[in-house]
Amino acid sequence: MGKTPDMTSKRAIDAIRSRNARVEADKAWETSWTRRLIIAAITYILASALLVWIRAPQPFLAALVPTLGYVLSTLTLPFAKQYWLENIRKK
């Protein structure tokens, strides 16, 4: 028995819906505060470890600099993206 056009179309639509769900989940993860906080924590731990290893003064305080830099960069990027989409991409 061959495939009917309706079954092929249904499978194609199901595949598109499945892909869209994956893309939406990936986008939600990329913009989530959970992801940002995990990366900030890892950044702080690694920066602290490096600063302790090189015997920098106040390593735990100094490790806040790259961590806060990362967090601040994630806050400003949505505004930059919106500007880019509206002004630069159109050209």
PDB file of N, CA and C in Angstrom:
ATOM      1  N   MET A   1       0.819  -1.186   0.000  1.00  0.00           N
ATOM      2  CA  MET A   1       0.000   0.000   0.000  1.00  0.00           C
ATOM      3  C   MET A   1       0.863   1.248   0.000  1.00  0.00           C
ATOM      4  N   GLY A   2       0.567   2.223  -0.847  1.00  0.00           N
ATOM      5  CA  GLY A   2       1.352   3.444  -0.933  1.00  0.00           C
ATOM      6  C   GLY A   2       0.876   4.493   0.063  1.00  0.00           C
ATOM      7  N   LYS A   3       1.673   5.493   0.207  1.00  0.00           N
ATOM      8  CA  LYS A   3       1.317   6.599   1.095  1.00  0.00           C
ATOM      9  C   LYS A   3       0.338   7.507   0.373  1.00  0.00           C
ATOM     10  N   THR A   4      -0.652   7.942   1.092  1.00  0.00           N
ATOM     11  CA  THR A   4      -1.598   8.892   0.504  1.00  0.00           C
ATOM     12  C   THR A   4      -1.046  10.298   0.681  1.00  0.00           C
ATOM     13  N   PRO A   5      -1.423  11.206  -0.191  1.00  0.00           N
ATOM     14  CA  PRO A   5      -0.942  12.585  -0.055  1.00  0.00           C
ATOM     15  C   PRO A   5      -1.301  13.193   1.296  1.00  0.00           C
ATOM     16  N   ASP A   6      -2.474  12.817   1.835  1.00  0.00           N
ATOM     17  CA  ASP A   6      -2.886  13.361   3.127  1.00  0.00           C
ATOM     18  C   ASP A   6      -1.938  12.924   4.245  1.00  0.00           C
ATOM     19  N   MET A   7      -1.472  11.680   4.227  1.00  0.00           N
ATOM     20  CA  MET A   7      -0.557  11.185   5.256  1.00  0.00           C
ATOM     21  C   MET A   7       0.803  11.874   5.143  1.00  0.00           C
ATOM     22  N   THR A   8       1.262  12.085   3.918  1.00  0.00           N
ATOM     23  CA  THR A   8       2.546  12.750   3.717  1.00  0.00           C
ATOM     24  C   THR A   8       2.468  14.192   4.209  1.00  0.00           C
ATOM     25  N   SER A   9       1.380  14.887   3.896  1.00  0.00           N
ATOM     26  CA  SER A   9       1.195  16.265   4.342  1.00  0.00           C
ATOM     27  C   SER A   9       1.110  16.338   5.858  1.00  0.00           C
ATOM     28  N   LYS A  10       0.396  15.395   6.463  1.00  0.00           N
ATOM     29  CA  LYS A  10       0.262  15.376   7.918  1.00  0.00           C
ATOM     30  C   LYS A  10       1.618  15.163   8.582  1.00  0.00           C
ATOM     31  N   ARG A  11       2.415  14.271   8.034  1.00  0.00           N
ATOM     32  CA  ARG A  11       3.753  14.031   8.596  1.00  0.00           C
ATOM     33  C   ARG A  11       4.630  15.274   8.464  1.00  0.00           C
ATOM     34  N   ALA A  12       4.528  15.942   7.326  1.00  0.00           N
ATOM     35  CA  ALA A  12       5.321  17.154   7.112  1.00  0.00           C
ATOM     36  C   ALA A  12       4.911  18.250   8.099  1.00  0.00           C
ATOM     37  N   ILE A  13       3.617  18.409   8.296  1.00  0.00           N
ATOM     38  CA  ILE A  13       3.117  19.404   9.247  1.00  0.00           C
ATOM     39  C   ILE A  13       3.543  19.045  10.667  1.00  0.00           C
ATOM     40  N   ASP A  14       3.454  17.777  11.034  1.00  0.00           N
ATOM     41  CA  ASP A  14       3.898  17.333  12.361  1.00  0.00           C
ATOM     42  C   ASP A  14       5.386  17.586  12.559  1.00  0.00           C
ATOM     43  N   ALA A  15       6.184  17.357  11.518  1.00  0.00           N
ATOM     44  CA  ALA A  15       7.633  17.596  11.606  1.00  0.00           C
ATOM     45  C   ALA A  15       7.914  19.088  11.797  1.00  0.00           C
ATOM     46  N   ILE A  16       7.182  19.941  11.100  1.00  0.00           N
ATOM     47  CA  ILE A  16       7.353  21.389  11.236  1.00  0.00           C
ATOM     48  C   ILE A  16       6.954  21.842  12.636  1.00  0.00           C
ATOM     49  N   ARG A  17       5.843  21.337  13.137  1.00  0.00           N
ATOM     50  CA  ARG A  17       5.401  21.692  14.496  1.00  0.00           C
ATOM     51  C   ARG A  17       6.413  21.249  15.543  1.00  0.00           C
ATOM     52  N   SER A  18       6.960  20.062  15.360  1.00  0.00           N
ATOM     53  CA  SER A  18       7.963  19.549  16.286  1.00  0.00           C
ATOM     54  C   SER A  18       9.214  20.428  16.260  1.00  0.00           C
ATOM     55  N   ARG A  19       9.642  20.790  15.066  1.00  0.00           N
ATOM     56  CA  ARG A  19      10.816  21.663  14.933  1.00  0.00           C
ATOM     57  C   ARG A  19      10.549  23.018  15.573  1.00  0.00           C
ATOM     58  N   ASN A  20       9.377  23.586  15.335  1.00  0.00           N
ATOM     59  CA  ASN A  20       9.030  24.884  15.917  1.00  0.00           C
ATOM     60  C   ASN A  20       9.046  24.832  17.444  1.00  0.00           C
ATOM     61  N   ALA A  21       8.553  23.735  18.010  1.00  0.00           N
ATOM     62  CA  ALA A  21       8.554  23.577  19.468  1.00  0.00           C
ATOM     63  C   ALA A  21       9.986  23.539  19.997  1.00  0.00           C
ATOM     64  N   ARG A  22      10.881  22.835  19.286  1.00  0.00           N
ATOM     65  CA  ARG A  22      12.293  22.780  19.701  1.00  0.00           C
ATOM     66  C   ARG A  22      12.946  24.152  19.615  1.00  0.00           C
ATOM     67  N   VAL A  23      12.669  24.883  18.535  1.00  0.00           N
ATOM     68  CA  VAL A  23      13.246  26.210  18.343  1.00  0.00           C
ATOM     69  C   VAL A  23      12.753  27.163  19.439  1.00  0.00           C
ATOM     70  N   GLU A  24      11.467  27.098  19.763  1.00  0.00           N
ATOM     71  CA  GLU A  24      10.906  27.946  20.818  1.00  0.00           C
ATOM     72  C   GLU A  24      11.523  27.615  22.170  1.00  0.00           C
ATOM     73  N   ALA A  25      11.726  26.333  22.456  1.00  0.00           N
ATOM     74  CA  ALA A  25      12.342  25.924  23.720  1.00  0.00           C
ATOM     75  C   ALA A  25      13.789  26.406  23.784  1.00  0.00           C
ATOM     76  N   ASP A  26      14.527  26.285  22.678  1.00  0.00           N
ATOM     77  CA  ASP A  26      15.912  26.759  22.638  1.00  0.00           C
ATOM     78  C   ASP A  26      15.971  28.273  22.859  1.00  0.00           C
ATOM     79  N   LYS A  27      15.074  29.010  22.247  1.00  0.00           N
ATOM     80  CA  LYS A  27      15.041  30.466  22.408  1.00  0.00           C
ATOM     81  C   LYS A  27      14.706  30.838  23.849  1.00  0.00           C
ATOM     82  N   ALA A  28      13.766  30.128  24.443  1.00  0.00           N
ATOM     83  CA  ALA A  28      13.396  30.392  25.837  1.00  0.00           C
ATOM     84  C   ALA A  28      14.595  30.149  26.753  1.00  0.00           C
ATOM     85  N   TRP A  29      15.358  29.088  26.504  1.00  0.00           N
ATOM     86  CA  TRP A  29      16.543  28.793  27.301  1.00  0.00           C
ATOM     87  C   TRP A  29      17.603  29.884  27.115  1.00  0.00           C
ATOM     88  N   GLU A  30      17.841  30.290  25.873  1.00  0.00           N
ATOM     89  CA  GLU A  30      18.864  31.294  25.588  1.00  0.00           C
ATOM     90  C   GLU A  30      18.590  32.623  26.283  1.00  0.00           C
ATOM     91  N   THR A  31      17.338  32.966  26.475  1.00  0.00           N
ATOM     92  CA  THR A  31      16.981  34.249  27.077  1.00  0.00           C
ATOM     93  C   THR A  31      16.584  34.124  28.551  1.00  0.00           C
ATOM     94  N   SER A  32      16.689  32.933  29.124  1.00  0.00           N
ATOM     95  CA  SER A  32      16.231  32.724  30.498  1.00  0.00           C
ATOM     96  C   SER A  32      17.221  33.246  31.535  1.00  0.00           C
ATOM     97  N   TRP A  33      16.678  33.670  32.672  1.00  0.00           N
ATOM     98  CA  TRP A  33      17.518  34.086  33.793  1.00  0.00           C
ATOM     99  C   TRP A  33      18.242  32.899  34.399  1.00  0.00           C
ATOM    100  N   THR A  34      17.668  31.722  34.310  1.00  0.00           N
ATOM    101  CA  THR A  34      18.332  30.516  34.821  1.00  0.00           C
ATOM    102  C   THR A  34      19.666  30.326  34.114  1.00  0.00           C
ATOM    103  N   ARG A  35      19.675  30.410  32.793  1.00  0.00           N
ATOM    104  CA  ARG A  35      20.907  30.270  32.019  1.00  0.00           C
ATOM    105  C   ARG A  35      21.907  31.360  32.378  1.00  0.00           C
ATOM    106  N   ARG A  36      21.432  32.594  32.467  1.00  0.00           N
ATOM    107  CA  ARG A  36      22.320  33.708  32.809  1.00  0.00           C
ATOM    108  C   ARG A  36      22.967  33.513  34.181  1.00  0.00           C
ATOM    109  N   LEU A  37      22.167  33.083  35.153  1.00  0.00           N
ATOM    110  CA  LEU A  37      22.707  32.894  36.506  1.00  0.00           C
ATOM    111  C   LEU A  37      23.689  31.733  36.565  1.00  0.00           C
ATOM    112  N   ILE A  38      23.428  30.671  35.821  1.00  0.00           N
ATOM    113  CA  ILE A  38      24.366  29.539  35.788  1.00  0.00           C
ATOM    114  C   ILE A  38      25.701  29.988  35.194  1.00  0.00           C
ATOM    115  N   ILE A  39      25.646  30.723  34.086  1.00  0.00           N
ATOM    116  CA  ILE A  39      26.887  31.199  33.459  1.00  0.00           C
ATOM    117  C   ILE A  39      27.600  32.184  34.384  1.00  0.00           C
ATOM    118  N   ALA A  40      26.852  33.055  35.054  1.00  0.00           N
ATOM    119  CA  ALA A  40      27.467  34.004  35.989  1.00  0.00           C
ATOM    120  C   ALA A  40      28.140  33.260  37.137  1.00  0.00           C
ATOM    121  N   ALA A  41      27.500  32.235  37.664  1.00  0.00           N
ATOM    122  CA  ALA A  41      28.086  31.454  38.761  1.00  0.00           C
ATOM    123  C   ALA A  41      29.365  30.752  38.308  1.00  0.00           C
ATOM    124  N   ILE A  42      29.327  30.150  37.143  1.00  0.00           N
ATOM    125  CA  ILE A  42      30.521  29.475  36.613  1.00  0.00           C
ATOM    126  C   ILE A  42      31.646  30.494  36.392  1.00  0.00           C
ATOM    127  N   THR A  43      31.297  31.665  35.854  1.00  0.00           N
ATOM    128  CA  THR A  43      32.295  32.718  35.634  1.00  0.00           C
ATOM    129  C   THR A  43      32.928  33.135  36.958  1.00  0.00           C
ATOM    130  N   TYR A  44      32.095  33.330  37.980  1.00  0.00           N
ATOM    131  CA  TYR A  44      32.607  33.749  39.286  1.00  0.00           C
ATOM    132  C   TYR A  44      33.522  32.684  39.888  1.00  0.00           C
ATOM    133  N   ILE A  45      33.113  31.438  39.830  1.00  0.00           N
ATOM    134  CA  ILE A  45      33.917  30.347  40.392  1.00  0.00           C
ATOM    135  C   ILE A  45      35.266  30.241  39.686  1.00  0.00           C
ATOM    136  N   LEU A  46      35.253  30.260  38.364  1.00  0.00           N
ATOM    137  CA  LEU A  46      36.505  30.150  37.612  1.00  0.00           C
ATOM    138  C   LEU A  46      37.407  31.368  37.816  1.00  0.00           C
ATOM    139  N   ALA A  47      36.818  32.566  37.816  1.00  0.00           N
ATOM    140  CA  ALA A  47      37.620  33.773  38.038  1.00  0.00           C
ATOM    141  C   ALA A  47      38.205  33.766  39.443  1.00  0.00           C
ATOM    142  N   SER A  48      37.408  33.364  40.429  1.00  0.00           N
ATOM    143  CA  SER A  48      37.905  33.278  41.813  1.00  0.00           C
ATOM    144  C   SER A  48      39.059  32.293  41.910  1.00  0.00           C
ATOM    145  N   ALA A  49      38.894  31.137  41.310  1.00  0.00           N
ATOM    146  CA  ALA A  49      39.942  30.113  41.366  1.00  0.00           C
ATOM    147  C   ALA A  49      41.229  30.618  40.728  1.00  0.00           C
ATOM    148  N   LEU A  50      41.128  31.266  39.596  1.00  0.00           N
ATOM    149  CA  LEU A  50      42.308  31.800  38.926  1.00  0.00           C
ATOM    150  C   LEU A  50      42.975  32.872  39.778  1.00  0.00           C
ATOM    151  N   LEU A  51      42.183  33.767  40.334  1.00  0.00           N
ATOM    152  CA  LEU A  51      42.745  34.857  41.137  1.00  0.00           C
ATOM    153  C   LEU A  51      43.386  34.337  42.427  1.00  0.00           C
ATOM    154  N   VAL A  52      42.806  33.297  43.021  1.00  0.00           N
ATOM    155  CA  VAL A  52      43.432  32.667  44.195  1.00  0.00           C
ATOM    156  C   VAL A  52      44.742  32.014  43.774  1.00  0.00           C
ATOM    157  N   TRP A  53      44.732  31.336  42.643  1.00  0.00           N
ATOM    158  CA  TRP A  53      45.921  30.623  42.148  1.00  0.00           C
ATOM    159  C   TRP A  53      47.088  31.583  41.896  1.00  0.00           C
ATOM    160  N   ILE A  54      46.775  32.761  41.341  1.00  0.00           N
ATOM    161  CA  ILE A  54      47.856  33.725  41.072  1.00  0.00           C
ATOM    162  C   ILE A  54      48.110  34.642  42.270  1.00  0.00           C
ATOM    163  N   ARG A  55      47.435  34.380  43.349  1.00  0.00           N
ATOM    164  CA  ARG A  55      47.594  35.119  44.620  1.00  0.00           C
ATOM    165  C   ARG A  55      47.309  36.616  44.467  1.00  0.00           C
ATOM    166  N   ALA A  56      46.220  36.904  43.761  1.00  0.00           N
ATOM    167  CA  ALA A  56      45.799  38.296  43.609  1.00  0.00           C
ATOM    168  C   ALA A  56      45.185  38.776  44.922  1.00  0.00           C
ATOM    169  N   PRO A  57      45.324  40.066  45.214  1.00  0.00           N
ATOM    170  CA  PRO A  57      44.695  40.579  46.433  1.00  0.00           C
ATOM    171  C   PRO A  57      43.169  40.566  46.284  1.00  0.00           C
ATOM    172  N   GLN A  58      42.492  40.201  47.336  1.00  0.00           N
ATOM    173  CA  GLN A  58      41.015  40.131  47.382  1.00  0.00           C
ATOM    174  C   GLN A  58      40.426  39.407  46.164  1.00  0.00           C
ATOM    175  N   PRO A  59      40.794  38.151  45.983  1.00  0.00           N
ATOM    176  CA  PRO A  59      40.359  37.433  44.775  1.00  0.00           C
ATOM    177  C   PRO A  59      38.838  37.283  44.643  1.00  0.00           C
ATOM    178  N   PHE A  60      38.139  37.122  45.758  1.00  0.00           N
ATOM    179  CA  PHE A  60      36.687  36.910  45.680  1.00  0.00           C
ATOM    180  C   PHE A  60      35.952  38.194  45.323  1.00  0.00           C
ATOM    181  N   LEU A  61      36.485  39.317  45.764  1.00  0.00           N
ATOM    182  CA  LEU A  61      35.905  40.598  45.371  1.00  0.00           C
ATOM    183  C   LEU A  61      36.248  40.903  43.911  1.00  0.00           C
ATOM    184  N   ALA A  62      37.488  40.664  43.530  1.00  0.00           N
ATOM    185  CA  ALA A  62      37.920  40.932  42.162  1.00  0.00           C
ATOM    186  C   ALA A  62      37.179  40.053  41.152  1.00  0.00           C
ATOM    187  N   ALA A  63      36.778  38.856  41.544  1.00  0.00           N
ATOM    188  CA  ALA A  63      36.065  37.950  40.643  1.00  0.00           C
ATOM    189  C   ALA A  63      34.681  38.475  40.281  1.00  0.00           C
ATOM    190  N   LEU A  64      34.195  39.442  41.044  1.00  0.00           N
ATOM    191  CA  LEU A  64      32.895  40.032  40.713  1.00  0.00           C
ATOM    192  C   LEU A  64      32.954  40.861  39.433  1.00  0.00           C
ATOM    193  N   VAL A  65      34.131  41.383  39.080  1.00  0.00           N
ATOM    194  CA  VAL A  65      34.248  42.257  37.907  1.00  0.00           C
ATOM    195  C   VAL A  65      33.822  41.529  36.622  1.00  0.00           C
ATOM    196  N   PRO A  66      34.431  40.391  36.268  1.00  0.00           N
ATOM    197  CA  PRO A  66      33.982  39.728  35.031  1.00  0.00           C
ATOM    198  C   PRO A  66      32.558  39.194  35.138  1.00  0.00           C
ATOM    199  N   THR A  67      32.174  38.788  36.339  1.00  0.00           N
ATOM    200  CA  THR A  67      30.820  38.255  36.526  1.00  0.00           C
ATOM    201  C   THR A  67      29.778  39.337  36.286  1.00  0.00           C
ATOM    202  N   LEU A  68      29.976  40.486  36.897  1.00  0.00           N
ATOM    203  CA  LEU A  68      29.027  41.587  36.698  1.00  0.00           C
ATOM    204  C   LEU A  68      29.082  42.110  35.265  1.00  0.00           C
ATOM    205  N   GLY A  69      30.256  42.073  34.662  1.00  0.00           N
ATOM    206  CA  GLY A  69      30.368  42.460  33.252  1.00  0.00           C
ATOM    207  C   GLY A  69      29.515  41.571  32.367  1.00  0.00           C
ATOM    208  N   TYR A  70      29.553  40.278  32.630  1.00  0.00           N
ATOM    209  CA  TYR A  70      28.727  39.354  31.851  1.00  0.00           C
ATOM    210  C   TYR A  70      27.246  39.656  32.060  1.00  0.00           C
ATOM    211  N   VAL A  71      26.827  39.787  33.311  1.00  0.00           N
ATOM    212  CA  VAL A  71      25.406  40.025  33.603  1.00  0.00           C
ATOM    213  C   VAL A  71      24.943  41.332  32.957  1.00  0.00           C
ATOM    214  N   LEU A  72      25.742  42.380  33.072  1.00  0.00           N
ATOM    215  CA  LEU A  72      25.369  43.652  32.453  1.00  0.00           C
ATOM    216  C   LEU A  72      25.281  43.544  30.936  1.00  0.00           C
ATOM    217  N   SER A  73      26.169  42.772  30.343  1.00  0.00           N
ATOM    218  CA  SER A  73      26.117  42.623  28.888  1.00  0.00           C
ATOM    219  C   SER A  73      24.845  41.913  28.443  1.00  0.00           C
ATOM    220  N   THR A  74      24.330  41.008  29.265  1.00  0.00           N
ATOM    221  CA  THR A  74      23.086  40.327  28.893  1.00  0.00           C
ATOM    222  C   THR A  74      21.880  41.243  29.047  1.00  0.00           C
ATOM    223  N   LEU A  75      22.013  42.269  29.878  1.00  0.00           N
ATOM    224  CA  LEU A  75      20.902  43.210  30.046  1.00  0.00           C
ATOM    225  C   LEU A  75      20.837  44.214  28.908  1.00  0.00           C
ATOM    226  N   THR A  76      21.980  44.589  28.369  1.00  0.00           N
ATOM    227  CA  THR A  76      21.991  45.603  27.317  1.00  0.00           C
ATOM    228  C   THR A  76      21.792  45.010  25.930  1.00  0.00           C
ATOM    229  N   LEU A  77      22.083  43.749  25.738  1.00  0.00           N
ATOM    230  CA  LEU A  77      21.971  43.156  24.411  1.00  0.00           C
ATOM    231  C   LEU A  77      20.562  43.165  23.834  1.00  0.00           C
ATOM    232  N   PRO A  78      19.507  42.928  24.615  1.00  0.00           N
ATOM    233  CA  PRO A  78      18.170  43.002  23.996  1.00  0.00           C
ATOM    234  C   PRO A  78      17.872  44.372  23.382  1.00  0.00           C
ATOM    235  N   PHE A  79      18.335  45.446  24.026  1.00  0.00           N
ATOM    236  CA  PHE A  79      18.126  46.782  23.466  1.00  0.00           C
ATOM    237  C   PHE A  79      18.938  46.958  22.187  1.00  0.00           C
ATOM    238  N   ALA A  80      20.169  46.480  22.213  1.00  0.00           N
ATOM    239  CA  ALA A  80      21.015  46.571  21.022  1.00  0.00           C
ATOM    240  C   ALA A  80      20.432  45.742  19.885  1.00  0.00           C
ATOM    241  N   LYS A  81      19.913  44.578  20.200  1.00  0.00           N
ATOM    242  CA  LYS A  81      19.302  43.716  19.180  1.00  0.00           C
ATOM    243  C   LYS A  81      18.098  44.413  18.554  1.00  0.00           C
ATOM    244  N   GLN A  82      17.250  44.998  19.386  1.00  0.00           N
ATOM    245  CA  GLN A  82      16.058  45.680  18.881  1.00  0.00           C
ATOM    246  C   GLN A  82      16.458  46.839  17.971  1.00  0.00           C
ATOM    247  N   TYR A  83      17.454  47.616  18.366  1.00  0.00           N
ATOM    248  CA  TYR A  83      17.943  48.719  17.540  1.00  0.00           C
ATOM    249  C   TYR A  83      18.469  48.194  16.207  1.00  0.00           C
ATOM    250  N   TRP A  84      19.234  47.119  16.294  1.00  0.00           N
ATOM    251  CA  TRP A  84      19.807  46.525  15.086  1.00  0.00           C
ATOM    252  C   TRP A  84      18.711  46.042  14.138  1.00  0.00           C
ATOM    253  N   LEU A  85      17.708  45.368  14.692  1.00  0.00           N
ATOM    254  CA  LEU A  85      16.617  44.857  13.866  1.00  0.00           C
ATOM    255  C   LEU A  85      15.848  45.986  13.184  1.00  0.00           C
ATOM    256  N   GLU A  86      15.635  47.069  13.911  1.00  0.00           N
ATOM    257  CA  GLU A  86      14.836  48.162  13.378  1.00  0.00           C
ATOM    258  C   GLU A  86      15.610  49.107  12.453  1.00  0.00           C
ATOM    259  N   ASN A  87      16.924  49.253  12.683  1.00  0.00           N
ATOM    260  CA  ASN A  87      17.670  50.287  11.952  1.00  0.00           C
ATOM    261  C   ASN A  87      18.750  49.755  11.015  1.00  0.00           C
ATOM    262  N   ILE A  88      19.476  48.784  11.423  1.00  0.00           N
ATOM    263  CA  ILE A  88      20.624  48.318  10.645  1.00  0.00           C
ATOM    264  C   ILE A  88      20.219  47.246   9.644  1.00  0.00           C
ATOM    265  N   ARG A  89      19.469  46.275  10.085  1.00  0.00           N
ATOM    266  CA  ARG A  89      19.105  45.139   9.242  1.00  0.00           C
ATOM    267  C   ARG A  89      18.294  45.556   8.017  1.00  0.00           C
ATOM    268  N   LYS A  90      17.498  46.585   8.147  1.00  0.00           N
ATOM    269  CA  LYS A  90      16.650  47.043   7.043  1.00  0.00           C
ATOM    270  C   LYS A  90      17.451  47.505   5.842  1.00  0.00           C
ATOM    271  N   LYS A  91      18.668  47.983   6.097  1.00  0.00           N
ATOM    272  CA  LYS A  91      19.470  48.587   5.007  1.00  0.00           C
ATOM    273  C   LYS A  91      19.998  47.568   4.098  1.00  0.00           C
TER     274      LYS A  91
END
